[in-house]
Amino acid sequence: MPISLLIADDDVLIREGLKIIFEMDERFIVEGVVENGLEAYHHCQKKDIDIALLDVRMPVLNGIEATAKIAANTKTRVLILTTFEEDDYIKTAFLNGAMGYLLKNNPPEQIKNAVISVHDGHTVVQDVVMERFKKPRMFNNETKLKDLTPREKEIVTLIAKGLTNKEIAHQLYITEGTVKNSVSQILSKLYLKHRTQIAIYYLKD
């Protein structure tokens, strides 16, 4: 069954270009093309949209604000597709529930692969975006961590450094299954949806 898409971008050439790219591939079906975040949100409410491709800067309601509404009130997963690499945009997008953050300068095939990956439940973060969050940093909200056990705090720290579950298991001398269960508990306690939110939201420069 094709992946249903919504494309939201205030640049008519970009959104129509993306529409053509996806419509030429039978793995996708474009259910709508809109020019602002509010239209995107309303569209996701009315139709069964799998993935919403949102630009950041749009009139009426920007892509970051629209992400929060779409993630909270629909089943649609959001992939940000933009030219902007600002830290605040990236952090807030994931905090608001985005499942991916990709730059527009990627080739069409990579953008399509990102959509498929998000549809499959994975988080997509472009290397150039994620690298800036891998430097040693401090937790910016200790009160949010007070309910975590010492071991869970260790795991949060290692997630923030970019380690995979397998790498965390190796470093802490525990099984990968234990790490996976701990991550689920951490997400539940911190009211987050996926591990990338841990890496981005709980770190600061």
N, C-alpha and C. Protein backbone atom coordinates (compact mmCIF):
# COMPACT_ATOMS: atom_id res chain seq x y z
N MET A 1 0.85 -1.20 0.00
CA MET A 1 0.00 0.00 0.00
C MET A 1 0.89 1.25 0.00
N PRO A 2 0.63 2.18 -0.91
CA PRO A 2 1.49 3.38 -1.00
C PRO A 2 1.45 4.22 0.27
N ILE A 3 2.54 4.92 0.53
CA ILE A 3 2.62 5.85 1.66
C ILE A 3 1.93 7.14 1.27
N SER A 4 0.94 7.55 2.05
CA SER A 4 0.22 8.79 1.73
C SER A 4 0.96 9.99 2.30
N LEU A 5 1.12 11.01 1.47
CA LEU A 5 1.93 12.17 1.81
C LEU A 5 1.16 13.48 1.75
N LEU A 6 1.57 14.40 2.64
CA LEU A 6 1.15 15.78 2.54
C LEU A 6 2.42 16.61 2.42
N ILE A 7 2.44 17.54 1.47
CA ILE A 7 3.59 18.42 1.28
C ILE A 7 3.20 19.84 1.63
N ALA A 8 3.94 20.46 2.56
CA ALA A 8 3.65 21.83 2.97
C ALA A 8 4.90 22.69 2.81
N ASP A 9 4.81 23.68 1.91
CA ASP A 9 5.93 24.58 1.65
C ASP A 9 5.38 25.85 1.02
N ASP A 10 5.87 27.00 1.47
CA ASP A 10 5.33 28.25 0.93
C ASP A 10 5.94 28.62 -0.41
N ASP A 11 6.94 27.87 -0.85
CA ASP A 11 7.55 28.09 -2.17
C ASP A 11 6.86 27.16 -3.17
N VAL A 12 6.11 27.74 -4.10
CA VAL A 12 5.32 26.95 -5.04
C VAL A 12 6.19 26.04 -5.89
N LEU A 13 7.38 26.47 -6.26
CA LEU A 13 8.26 25.64 -7.07
C LEU A 13 8.74 24.42 -6.30
N ILE A 14 9.04 24.62 -5.01
CA ILE A 14 9.49 23.51 -4.17
C ILE A 14 8.37 22.48 -3.99
N ARG A 15 7.21 22.95 -3.59
CA ARG A 15 6.14 22.00 -3.28
C ARG A 15 5.65 21.28 -4.54
N GLU A 16 5.57 21.98 -5.67
CA GLU A 16 5.14 21.31 -6.90
C GLU A 16 6.22 20.37 -7.41
N GLY A 17 7.49 20.76 -7.19
CA GLY A 17 8.60 19.89 -7.59
C GLY A 17 8.60 18.60 -6.78
N LEU A 18 8.39 18.73 -5.48
CA LEU A 18 8.32 17.55 -4.63
C LEU A 18 7.13 16.67 -5.01
N LYS A 19 6.04 17.30 -5.34
CA LYS A 19 4.85 16.54 -5.74
C LYS A 19 5.16 15.68 -6.97
N ILE A 20 5.82 16.26 -7.94
CA ILE A 20 6.17 15.52 -9.16
C ILE A 20 7.10 14.36 -8.84
N ILE A 21 8.10 14.62 -7.99
CA ILE A 21 9.08 13.59 -7.63
C ILE A 21 8.40 12.39 -6.99
N PHE A 22 7.49 12.65 -6.04
CA PHE A 22 6.84 11.55 -5.34
C PHE A 22 5.77 10.87 -6.18
N GLU A 23 5.09 11.63 -7.03
CA GLU A 23 4.04 11.02 -7.85
C GLU A 23 4.60 10.11 -8.93
N MET A 24 5.88 10.28 -9.25
CA MET A 24 6.53 9.41 -10.24
C MET A 24 6.95 8.07 -9.64
N ASP A 25 6.79 7.93 -8.32
CA ASP A 25 7.20 6.71 -7.63
C ASP A 25 5.95 6.04 -7.07
N GLU A 26 5.68 4.80 -7.48
CA GLU A 26 4.45 4.11 -7.09
C GLU A 26 4.39 3.77 -5.60
N ARG A 27 5.51 3.95 -4.89
CA ARG A 27 5.52 3.68 -3.46
C ARG A 27 4.83 4.78 -2.66
N PHE A 28 4.51 5.91 -3.33
CA PHE A 28 3.93 7.05 -2.64
C PHE A 28 2.66 7.53 -3.35
N ILE A 29 1.82 8.20 -2.56
CA ILE A 29 0.67 8.89 -3.13
C ILE A 29 0.55 10.24 -2.43
N VAL A 30 0.53 11.32 -3.20
CA VAL A 30 0.45 12.67 -2.64
C VAL A 30 -1.02 13.03 -2.44
N GLU A 31 -1.43 13.13 -1.18
CA GLU A 31 -2.82 13.41 -0.84
C GLU A 31 -3.13 14.91 -0.79
N GLY A 32 -2.08 15.72 -0.70
CA GLY A 32 -2.32 17.16 -0.62
C GLY A 32 -1.04 17.96 -0.72
N VAL A 33 -1.17 19.18 -1.22
CA VAL A 33 -0.05 20.12 -1.32
C VAL A 33 -0.56 21.46 -0.82
N VAL A 34 0.05 21.99 0.25
CA VAL A 34 -0.43 23.22 0.87
C VAL A 34 0.73 24.19 1.09
N GLU A 35 0.37 25.43 1.42
CA GLU A 35 1.39 26.47 1.50
C GLU A 35 1.65 27.01 2.90
N ASN A 36 0.96 26.50 3.91
CA ASN A 36 1.25 26.95 5.28
C ASN A 36 0.92 25.86 6.29
N GLY A 37 1.40 26.05 7.52
CA GLY A 37 1.26 25.03 8.55
C GLY A 37 -0.17 24.78 8.99
N LEU A 38 -0.98 25.81 8.99
CA LEU A 38 -2.37 25.65 9.41
C LEU A 38 -3.13 24.78 8.41
N GLU A 39 -2.91 25.01 7.13
CA GLU A 39 -3.54 24.18 6.10
C GLU A 39 -3.06 22.73 6.24
N ALA A 40 -1.79 22.56 6.57
CA ALA A 40 -1.24 21.22 6.75
C ALA A 40 -1.94 20.50 7.90
N TYR A 41 -2.10 21.20 9.00
CA TYR A 41 -2.77 20.62 10.17
C TYR A 41 -4.21 20.23 9.85
N HIS A 42 -4.94 21.12 9.23
CA HIS A 42 -6.33 20.82 8.87
C HIS A 42 -6.43 19.64 7.91
N HIS A 43 -5.50 19.57 7.00
CA HIS A 43 -5.49 18.48 6.02
C HIS A 43 -5.25 17.14 6.72
N CYS A 44 -4.33 17.13 7.68
CA CYS A 44 -4.03 15.89 8.40
C CYS A 44 -5.19 15.47 9.29
N GLN A 45 -5.99 16.42 9.72
CA GLN A 45 -7.18 16.11 10.51
C GLN A 45 -8.26 15.46 9.66
N LYS A 46 -8.38 15.92 8.43
CA LYS A 46 -9.47 15.49 7.57
C LYS A 46 -9.15 14.21 6.79
N LYS A 47 -7.88 13.99 6.48
CA LYS A 47 -7.52 12.84 5.66
C LYS A 47 -6.56 11.92 6.40
N ASP A 48 -6.47 10.71 5.92
CA ASP A 48 -5.58 9.72 6.51
C ASP A 48 -4.19 9.86 5.88
N ILE A 49 -3.38 10.74 6.47
CA ILE A 49 -2.05 11.04 5.95
C ILE A 49 -1.00 10.29 6.76
N ASP A 50 -0.13 9.55 6.08
CA ASP A 50 0.94 8.83 6.79
C ASP A 50 2.06 9.78 7.20
N ILE A 51 2.54 10.56 6.24
CA ILE A 51 3.70 11.42 6.49
C ILE A 51 3.41 12.84 6.00
N ALA A 52 3.71 13.82 6.85
CA ALA A 52 3.63 15.23 6.45
C ALA A 52 5.04 15.77 6.29
N LEU A 53 5.34 16.24 5.09
CA LEU A 53 6.63 16.89 4.82
C LEU A 53 6.43 18.39 5.04
N LEU A 54 7.07 18.95 6.07
CA LEU A 54 6.84 20.35 6.41
C LEU A 54 8.11 21.18 6.30
N ASP A 55 7.98 22.34 5.68
CA ASP A 55 9.06 23.33 5.73
C ASP A 55 8.99 24.01 7.09
N VAL A 56 10.06 24.69 7.49
CA VAL A 56 10.08 25.39 8.79
C VAL A 56 9.37 26.73 8.70
N ARG A 57 9.84 27.59 7.84
CA ARG A 57 9.30 28.94 7.75
C ARG A 57 8.17 29.01 6.74
N MET A 58 6.94 29.13 7.28
CA MET A 58 5.75 29.26 6.45
C MET A 58 4.82 30.28 7.10
N PRO A 59 3.97 30.92 6.31
CA PRO A 59 3.04 31.91 6.86
C PRO A 59 1.92 31.26 7.67
N VAL A 60 1.18 32.08 8.40
CA VAL A 60 0.01 31.69 9.20
C VAL A 60 0.43 30.82 10.39
N LEU A 61 0.99 29.66 10.11
CA LEU A 61 1.50 28.75 11.14
C LEU A 61 2.76 28.10 10.59
N ASN A 62 3.88 28.29 11.29
CA ASN A 62 5.12 27.75 10.74
C ASN A 62 5.19 26.23 10.94
N GLY A 63 6.22 25.62 10.35
CA GLY A 63 6.33 24.17 10.38
C GLY A 63 6.55 23.59 11.77
N ILE A 64 7.26 24.32 12.63
CA ILE A 64 7.52 23.85 13.99
C ILE A 64 6.22 23.83 14.80
N GLU A 65 5.45 24.91 14.67
CA GLU A 65 4.16 24.99 15.38
C GLU A 65 3.17 23.95 14.84
N ALA A 66 3.17 23.79 13.53
CA ALA A 66 2.28 22.81 12.91
C ALA A 66 2.64 21.39 13.34
N THR A 67 3.92 21.13 13.53
CA THR A 67 4.37 19.81 13.98
C THR A 67 3.72 19.44 15.31
N ALA A 68 3.71 20.40 16.23
CA ALA A 68 3.12 20.14 17.56
C ALA A 68 1.65 19.76 17.44
N LYS A 69 0.91 20.49 16.62
CA LYS A 69 -0.52 20.22 16.45
C LYS A 69 -0.77 18.87 15.77
N ILE A 70 0.01 18.61 14.74
CA ILE A 70 -0.18 17.36 13.99
C ILE A 70 0.20 16.16 14.84
N ALA A 71 1.32 16.25 15.55
CA ALA A 71 1.78 15.13 16.38
C ALA A 71 0.83 14.85 17.54
N ALA A 72 0.25 15.91 18.09
CA ALA A 72 -0.61 15.75 19.27
C ALA A 72 -2.04 15.31 18.92
N ASN A 73 -2.49 15.63 17.72
CA ASN A 73 -3.92 15.44 17.41
C ASN A 73 -4.21 14.53 16.23
N THR A 74 -3.19 14.01 15.58
CA THR A 74 -3.42 13.10 14.45
C THR A 74 -2.44 11.93 14.52
N LYS A 75 -2.62 10.98 13.63
CA LYS A 75 -1.70 9.83 13.56
C LYS A 75 -0.58 10.07 12.56
N THR A 76 -0.56 11.23 11.94
CA THR A 76 0.43 11.55 10.93
C THR A 76 1.81 11.76 11.55
N ARG A 77 2.83 11.22 10.92
CA ARG A 77 4.21 11.44 11.37
C ARG A 77 4.81 12.58 10.55
N VAL A 78 5.57 13.43 11.23
CA VAL A 78 6.11 14.63 10.59
C VAL A 78 7.59 14.47 10.28
N LEU A 79 7.94 14.83 9.05
CA LEU A 79 9.34 14.93 8.63
C LEU A 79 9.58 16.37 8.19
N ILE A 80 10.45 17.07 8.89
CA ILE A 80 10.80 18.43 8.52
C ILE A 80 11.77 18.40 7.34
N LEU A 81 11.45 19.14 6.28
CA LEU A 81 12.31 19.24 5.11
C LEU A 81 12.52 20.72 4.85
N THR A 82 13.75 21.20 5.10
CA THR A 82 13.97 22.64 5.11
C THR A 82 15.40 22.99 4.69
N THR A 83 15.67 24.28 4.62
CA THR A 83 17.04 24.75 4.35
C THR A 83 17.71 25.26 5.62
N PHE A 84 16.97 25.30 6.72
CA PHE A 84 17.45 25.93 7.95
C PHE A 84 18.05 24.91 8.91
N GLU A 85 19.25 25.22 9.43
CA GLU A 85 19.96 24.32 10.33
C GLU A 85 20.07 24.87 11.75
N GLU A 86 19.33 25.93 12.07
CA GLU A 86 19.45 26.55 13.38
C GLU A 86 19.11 25.57 14.51
N ASP A 87 19.92 25.60 15.58
CA ASP A 87 19.74 24.68 16.70
C ASP A 87 18.34 24.75 17.30
N ASP A 88 17.81 25.95 17.46
CA ASP A 88 16.50 26.11 18.08
C ASP A 88 15.41 25.43 17.26
N TYR A 89 15.49 25.56 15.93
CA TYR A 89 14.51 24.91 15.07
C TYR A 89 14.57 23.39 15.25
N ILE A 90 15.80 22.86 15.24
CA ILE A 90 15.99 21.41 15.33
C ILE A 90 15.47 20.87 16.66
N LYS A 91 15.90 21.51 17.75
CA LYS A 91 15.49 21.06 19.09
C LYS A 91 13.98 21.11 19.25
N THR A 92 13.38 22.25 18.86
CA THR A 92 11.95 22.42 19.07
C THR A 92 11.15 21.49 18.17
N ALA A 93 11.63 21.24 16.97
CA ALA A 93 10.93 20.33 16.06
C ALA A 93 10.80 18.95 16.68
N PHE A 94 11.90 18.42 17.22
CA PHE A 94 11.85 17.09 17.83
C PHE A 94 11.06 17.10 19.13
N LEU A 95 11.21 18.16 19.90
CA LEU A 95 10.42 18.28 21.12
C LEU A 95 8.93 18.29 20.81
N ASN A 96 8.56 18.91 19.70
CA ASN A 96 7.15 18.99 19.30
C ASN A 96 6.63 17.71 18.67
N GLY A 97 7.52 16.74 18.45
CA GLY A 97 7.06 15.45 17.95
C GLY A 97 7.50 15.06 16.56
N ALA A 98 8.37 15.85 15.93
CA ALA A 98 8.87 15.49 14.60
C ALA A 98 9.64 14.17 14.67
N MET A 99 9.54 13.39 13.61
CA MET A 99 10.26 12.11 13.53
C MET A 99 11.51 12.21 12.66
N GLY A 100 11.69 13.38 12.05
CA GLY A 100 12.87 13.54 11.21
C GLY A 100 13.14 14.99 10.89
N TYR A 101 14.41 15.28 10.57
CA TYR A 101 14.81 16.64 10.20
C TYR A 101 15.84 16.50 9.08
N LEU A 102 15.47 16.95 7.89
CA LEU A 102 16.29 16.75 6.70
C LEU A 102 16.41 18.07 5.95
N LEU A 103 17.55 18.25 5.30
CA LEU A 103 17.77 19.47 4.51
C LEU A 103 17.38 19.25 3.06
N LYS A 104 16.93 20.32 2.43
CA LYS A 104 16.42 20.22 1.06
C LYS A 104 17.50 19.95 0.01
N ASN A 105 18.76 20.12 0.39
CA ASN A 105 19.82 19.93 -0.61
C ASN A 105 20.15 18.45 -0.84
N ASN A 106 19.39 17.57 -0.22
CA ASN A 106 19.59 16.13 -0.45
C ASN A 106 19.00 15.72 -1.80
N PRO A 107 19.57 14.70 -2.42
CA PRO A 107 19.00 14.21 -3.69
C PRO A 107 17.63 13.60 -3.45
N PRO A 108 16.78 13.59 -4.47
CA PRO A 108 15.41 13.06 -4.33
C PRO A 108 15.34 11.67 -3.72
N GLU A 109 16.26 10.79 -4.10
CA GLU A 109 16.20 9.41 -3.60
C GLU A 109 16.43 9.36 -2.10
N GLN A 110 17.30 10.23 -1.60
CA GLN A 110 17.55 10.25 -0.17
C GLN A 110 16.35 10.79 0.61
N ILE A 111 15.67 11.76 0.02
CA ILE A 111 14.46 12.29 0.65
C ILE A 111 13.38 11.22 0.69
N LYS A 112 13.24 10.48 -0.41
CA LYS A 112 12.25 9.41 -0.44
C LYS A 112 12.59 8.31 0.57
N ASN A 113 13.87 7.98 0.68
CA ASN A 113 14.28 6.96 1.66
C ASN A 113 14.00 7.43 3.09
N ALA A 114 14.15 8.73 3.32
CA ALA A 114 13.87 9.28 4.65
C ALA A 114 12.38 9.14 4.98
N VAL A 115 11.55 9.41 4.01
CA VAL A 115 10.09 9.26 4.20
C VAL A 115 9.75 7.82 4.54
N ILE A 116 10.33 6.89 3.82
CA ILE A 116 10.08 5.47 4.08
C ILE A 116 10.55 5.09 5.48
N SER A 117 11.70 5.58 5.87
CA SER A 117 12.25 5.27 7.18
C SER A 117 11.35 5.80 8.31
N VAL A 118 10.88 7.03 8.16
CA VAL A 118 9.97 7.60 9.16
C VAL A 118 8.66 6.81 9.19
N HIS A 119 8.18 6.44 8.03
CA HIS A 119 6.95 5.65 7.94
C HIS A 119 7.10 4.32 8.68
N ASP A 120 8.31 3.76 8.66
CA ASP A 120 8.59 2.49 9.33
C ASP A 120 8.84 2.66 10.83
N GLY A 121 8.75 3.90 11.31
CA GLY A 121 8.89 4.14 12.74
C GLY A 121 10.25 4.57 13.21
N HIS A 122 11.15 4.84 12.27
CA HIS A 122 12.50 5.26 12.63
C HIS A 122 12.62 6.79 12.66
N THR A 123 13.60 7.26 13.40
CA THR A 123 13.89 8.68 13.44
C THR A 123 14.99 8.99 12.43
N VAL A 124 14.81 10.07 11.67
CA VAL A 124 15.80 10.45 10.66
C VAL A 124 16.39 11.81 11.01
N VAL A 125 17.71 11.83 11.18
CA VAL A 125 18.41 13.08 11.45
C VAL A 125 19.63 13.14 10.54
N GLN A 126 19.70 14.16 9.73
CA GLN A 126 20.82 14.29 8.82
C GLN A 126 22.13 14.45 9.59
N ASP A 127 23.20 13.84 9.08
CA ASP A 127 24.48 13.84 9.77
C ASP A 127 24.94 15.24 10.15
N VAL A 128 24.85 16.19 9.22
CA VAL A 128 25.33 17.53 9.49
C VAL A 128 24.52 18.19 10.60
N VAL A 129 23.28 17.78 10.77
CA VAL A 129 22.42 18.30 11.84
C VAL A 129 22.77 17.64 13.16
N MET A 130 22.94 16.31 13.16
CA MET A 130 23.16 15.58 14.41
C MET A 130 24.54 15.82 14.99
N GLU A 131 25.53 16.10 14.17
CA GLU A 131 26.90 16.27 14.65
C GLU A 131 27.01 17.35 15.72
N ARG A 132 26.26 18.43 15.59
CA ARG A 132 26.36 19.53 16.54
C ARG A 132 25.85 19.15 17.92
N PHE A 133 25.11 18.04 18.02
CA PHE A 133 24.58 17.62 19.31
C PHE A 133 25.40 16.51 19.95
N LYS A 134 26.53 16.17 19.34
CA LYS A 134 27.33 15.08 19.87
C LYS A 134 28.51 15.55 20.71
N LYS A 135 28.65 16.85 20.88
CA LYS A 135 29.72 17.37 21.73
C LYS A 135 29.32 17.19 23.19
N PRO A 136 30.30 17.05 24.12
CA PRO A 136 29.96 16.92 25.54
C PRO A 136 29.18 18.13 26.03
N ARG A 137 28.04 17.87 26.70
CA ARG A 137 27.20 18.96 27.16
C ARG A 137 26.62 18.63 28.52
N MET A 138 25.86 19.55 29.06
CA MET A 138 25.26 19.38 30.37
C MET A 138 23.74 19.26 30.23
N PHE A 139 23.14 18.51 31.13
CA PHE A 139 21.69 18.44 31.14
C PHE A 139 21.13 19.80 31.49
N ASN A 140 20.12 20.23 30.78
CA ASN A 140 19.58 21.57 30.99
C ASN A 140 18.32 21.57 31.85
N ASN A 141 17.90 20.41 32.35
CA ASN A 141 16.70 20.40 33.16
C ASN A 141 16.75 19.23 34.14
N GLU A 142 17.51 19.38 35.22
CA GLU A 142 17.70 18.29 36.17
C GLU A 142 16.39 17.87 36.83
N THR A 143 15.46 18.82 36.99
CA THR A 143 14.20 18.47 37.64
C THR A 143 13.44 17.41 36.85
N LYS A 144 13.63 17.41 35.54
CA LYS A 144 12.95 16.42 34.70
C LYS A 144 13.55 15.03 34.90
N LEU A 145 14.77 14.96 35.44
CA LEU A 145 15.47 13.69 35.57
C LEU A 145 15.35 13.09 36.95
N LYS A 146 14.69 13.77 37.88
CA LYS A 146 14.67 13.33 39.28
C LYS A 146 13.98 11.98 39.46
N ASP A 147 13.08 11.62 38.57
CA ASP A 147 12.37 10.35 38.70
C ASP A 147 13.12 9.17 38.09
N LEU A 148 14.26 9.44 37.48
CA LEU A 148 15.03 8.37 36.86
C LEU A 148 15.94 7.71 37.88
N THR A 149 16.17 6.40 37.70
CA THR A 149 17.13 5.69 38.54
C THR A 149 18.55 6.07 38.11
N PRO A 150 19.55 5.82 38.95
CA PRO A 150 20.95 6.11 38.56
C PRO A 150 21.33 5.43 37.24
N ARG A 151 20.89 4.18 37.05
CA ARG A 151 21.22 3.48 35.81
C ARG A 151 20.54 4.13 34.62
N GLU A 152 19.29 4.56 34.79
CA GLU A 152 18.58 5.24 33.70
C GLU A 152 19.26 6.55 33.35
N LYS A 153 19.77 7.26 34.34
CA LYS A 153 20.50 8.50 34.07
C LYS A 153 21.77 8.22 33.29
N GLU A 154 22.43 7.11 33.60
CA GLU A 154 23.62 6.71 32.84
C GLU A 154 23.25 6.48 31.38
N ILE A 155 22.15 5.81 31.16
CA ILE A 155 21.72 5.49 29.80
C ILE A 155 21.34 6.76 29.05
N VAL A 156 20.66 7.69 29.73
CA VAL A 156 20.32 8.97 29.11
C VAL A 156 21.59 9.69 28.66
N THR A 157 22.60 9.69 29.52
CA THR A 157 23.87 10.36 29.19
C THR A 157 24.50 9.74 27.95
N LEU A 158 24.46 8.42 27.84
CA LEU A 158 25.07 7.75 26.69
C LEU A 158 24.25 7.94 25.42
N ILE A 159 22.92 7.98 25.56
CA ILE A 159 22.07 8.29 24.40
C ILE A 159 22.42 9.69 23.89
N ALA A 160 22.60 10.62 24.83
CA ALA A 160 22.91 12.00 24.46
C ALA A 160 24.24 12.12 23.75
N LYS A 161 25.12 11.15 23.98
CA LYS A 161 26.43 11.14 23.31
C LYS A 161 26.36 10.46 21.95
N GLY A 162 25.19 9.95 21.61
CA GLY A 162 25.01 9.35 20.29
C GLY A 162 25.22 7.85 20.22
N LEU A 163 25.33 7.17 21.36
CA LEU A 163 25.57 5.73 21.35
C LEU A 163 24.28 4.96 21.03
N THR A 164 24.43 3.84 20.34
CA THR A 164 23.31 2.95 20.04
C THR A 164 23.04 2.06 21.25
N ASN A 165 21.91 1.35 21.23
CA ASN A 165 21.60 0.43 22.32
C ASN A 165 22.69 -0.62 22.49
N LYS A 166 23.22 -1.12 21.39
CA LYS A 166 24.27 -2.13 21.44
C LYS A 166 25.53 -1.57 22.09
N GLU A 167 25.89 -0.35 21.72
CA GLU A 167 27.09 0.28 22.29
C GLU A 167 26.90 0.58 23.78
N ILE A 168 25.68 0.99 24.16
CA ILE A 168 25.39 1.25 25.57
C ILE A 168 25.49 -0.05 26.37
N ALA A 169 24.93 -1.12 25.83
CA ALA A 169 24.98 -2.42 26.51
C ALA A 169 26.42 -2.85 26.74
N HIS A 170 27.24 -2.67 25.73
CA HIS A 170 28.66 -3.05 25.83
C HIS A 170 29.38 -2.22 26.90
N GLN A 171 29.10 -0.93 26.93
CA GLN A 171 29.78 -0.04 27.87
C GLN A 171 29.34 -0.27 29.31
N LEU A 172 28.07 -0.61 29.52
CA LEU A 172 27.55 -0.78 30.87
C LEU A 172 27.52 -2.24 31.33
N TYR A 173 27.97 -3.15 30.44
CA TYR A 173 28.03 -4.58 30.76
C TYR A 173 26.64 -5.14 31.10
N ILE A 174 25.67 -4.76 30.28
CA ILE A 174 24.32 -5.28 30.42
C ILE A 174 23.85 -5.75 29.04
N THR A 175 22.71 -6.43 28.99
CA THR A 175 22.23 -6.93 27.70
C THR A 175 21.56 -5.80 26.90
N GLU A 176 21.51 -6.00 25.59
CA GLU A 176 20.86 -5.03 24.73
C GLU A 176 19.36 -4.95 25.04
N GLY A 177 18.78 -6.09 25.43
CA GLY A 177 17.37 -6.10 25.80
C GLY A 177 17.10 -5.26 27.04
N THR A 178 18.03 -5.30 27.99
CA THR A 178 17.89 -4.48 29.19
C THR A 178 17.94 -2.99 28.83
N VAL A 179 18.82 -2.65 27.93
CA VAL A 179 18.91 -1.26 27.49
C VAL A 179 17.60 -0.83 26.83
N LYS A 180 17.08 -1.68 25.96
CA LYS A 180 15.83 -1.37 25.25
C LYS A 180 14.69 -1.14 26.23
N ASN A 181 14.59 -2.00 27.24
CA ASN A 181 13.54 -1.84 28.25
C ASN A 181 13.73 -0.56 29.05
N SER A 182 14.98 -0.25 29.37
CA SER A 182 15.28 0.97 30.13
C SER A 182 14.92 2.21 29.32
N VAL A 183 15.21 2.18 28.03
CA VAL A 183 14.87 3.33 27.17
C VAL A 183 13.36 3.54 27.15
N SER A 184 12.61 2.46 27.09
CA SER A 184 11.14 2.57 27.12
C SER A 184 10.66 3.21 28.42
N GLN A 185 11.28 2.81 29.53
CA GLN A 185 10.93 3.38 30.83
C GLN A 185 11.29 4.86 30.90
N ILE A 186 12.44 5.21 30.35
CA ILE A 186 12.90 6.61 30.34
C ILE A 186 11.93 7.47 29.54
N LEU A 187 11.56 7.00 28.37
CA LEU A 187 10.63 7.74 27.52
C LEU A 187 9.29 7.95 28.25
N SER A 188 8.84 6.93 28.94
CA SER A 188 7.58 7.02 29.66
C SER A 188 7.67 8.03 30.81
N LYS A 189 8.75 7.98 31.57
CA LYS A 189 8.91 8.87 32.70
C LYS A 189 9.09 10.33 32.29
N LEU A 190 9.72 10.53 31.14
CA LEU A 190 10.00 11.90 30.70
C LEU A 190 8.95 12.42 29.71
N TYR A 191 7.93 11.60 29.45
CA TYR A 191 6.84 11.98 28.54
C TYR A 191 7.36 12.33 27.15
N LEU A 192 8.26 11.52 26.65
CA LEU A 192 8.81 11.70 25.32
C LEU A 192 8.38 10.53 24.44
N LYS A 193 8.51 10.72 23.13
CA LYS A 193 8.04 9.70 22.19
C LYS A 193 9.16 8.85 21.60
N HIS A 194 10.35 9.43 21.42
CA HIS A 194 11.44 8.65 20.85
C HIS A 194 12.79 9.15 21.37
N ARG A 195 13.81 8.32 21.20
CA ARG A 195 15.10 8.56 21.84
C ARG A 195 15.81 9.80 21.32
N THR A 196 15.52 10.22 20.10
CA THR A 196 16.16 11.43 19.59
C THR A 196 15.75 12.66 20.41
N GLN A 197 14.53 12.64 20.95
CA GLN A 197 14.10 13.74 21.81
C GLN A 197 14.96 13.81 23.06
N ILE A 198 15.41 12.65 23.55
CA ILE A 198 16.30 12.64 24.71
C ILE A 198 17.61 13.31 24.35
N ALA A 199 18.18 12.91 23.22
CA ALA A 199 19.48 13.42 22.81
C ALA A 199 19.48 14.90 22.54
N ILE A 200 18.36 15.42 22.05
CA ILE A 200 18.32 16.83 21.66
C ILE A 200 17.73 17.73 22.74
N TYR A 201 16.61 17.33 23.32
CA TYR A 201 15.94 18.23 24.27
C TYR A 201 16.68 18.38 25.59
N TYR A 202 17.33 17.31 26.06
CA TYR A 202 17.95 17.36 27.37
C TYR A 202 19.41 17.78 27.33
N LEU A 203 19.84 18.32 26.23
CA LEU A 203 21.20 18.82 26.13
C LEU A 203 21.21 20.30 25.80
N LYS A 204 22.27 20.95 26.21
CA LYS A 204 22.42 22.37 25.86
C LYS A 204 23.88 22.64 25.54
N ASP A 205 24.14 23.75 24.82
CA ASP A 205 25.52 24.12 24.48
C ASP A 205 26.25 24.57 25.72
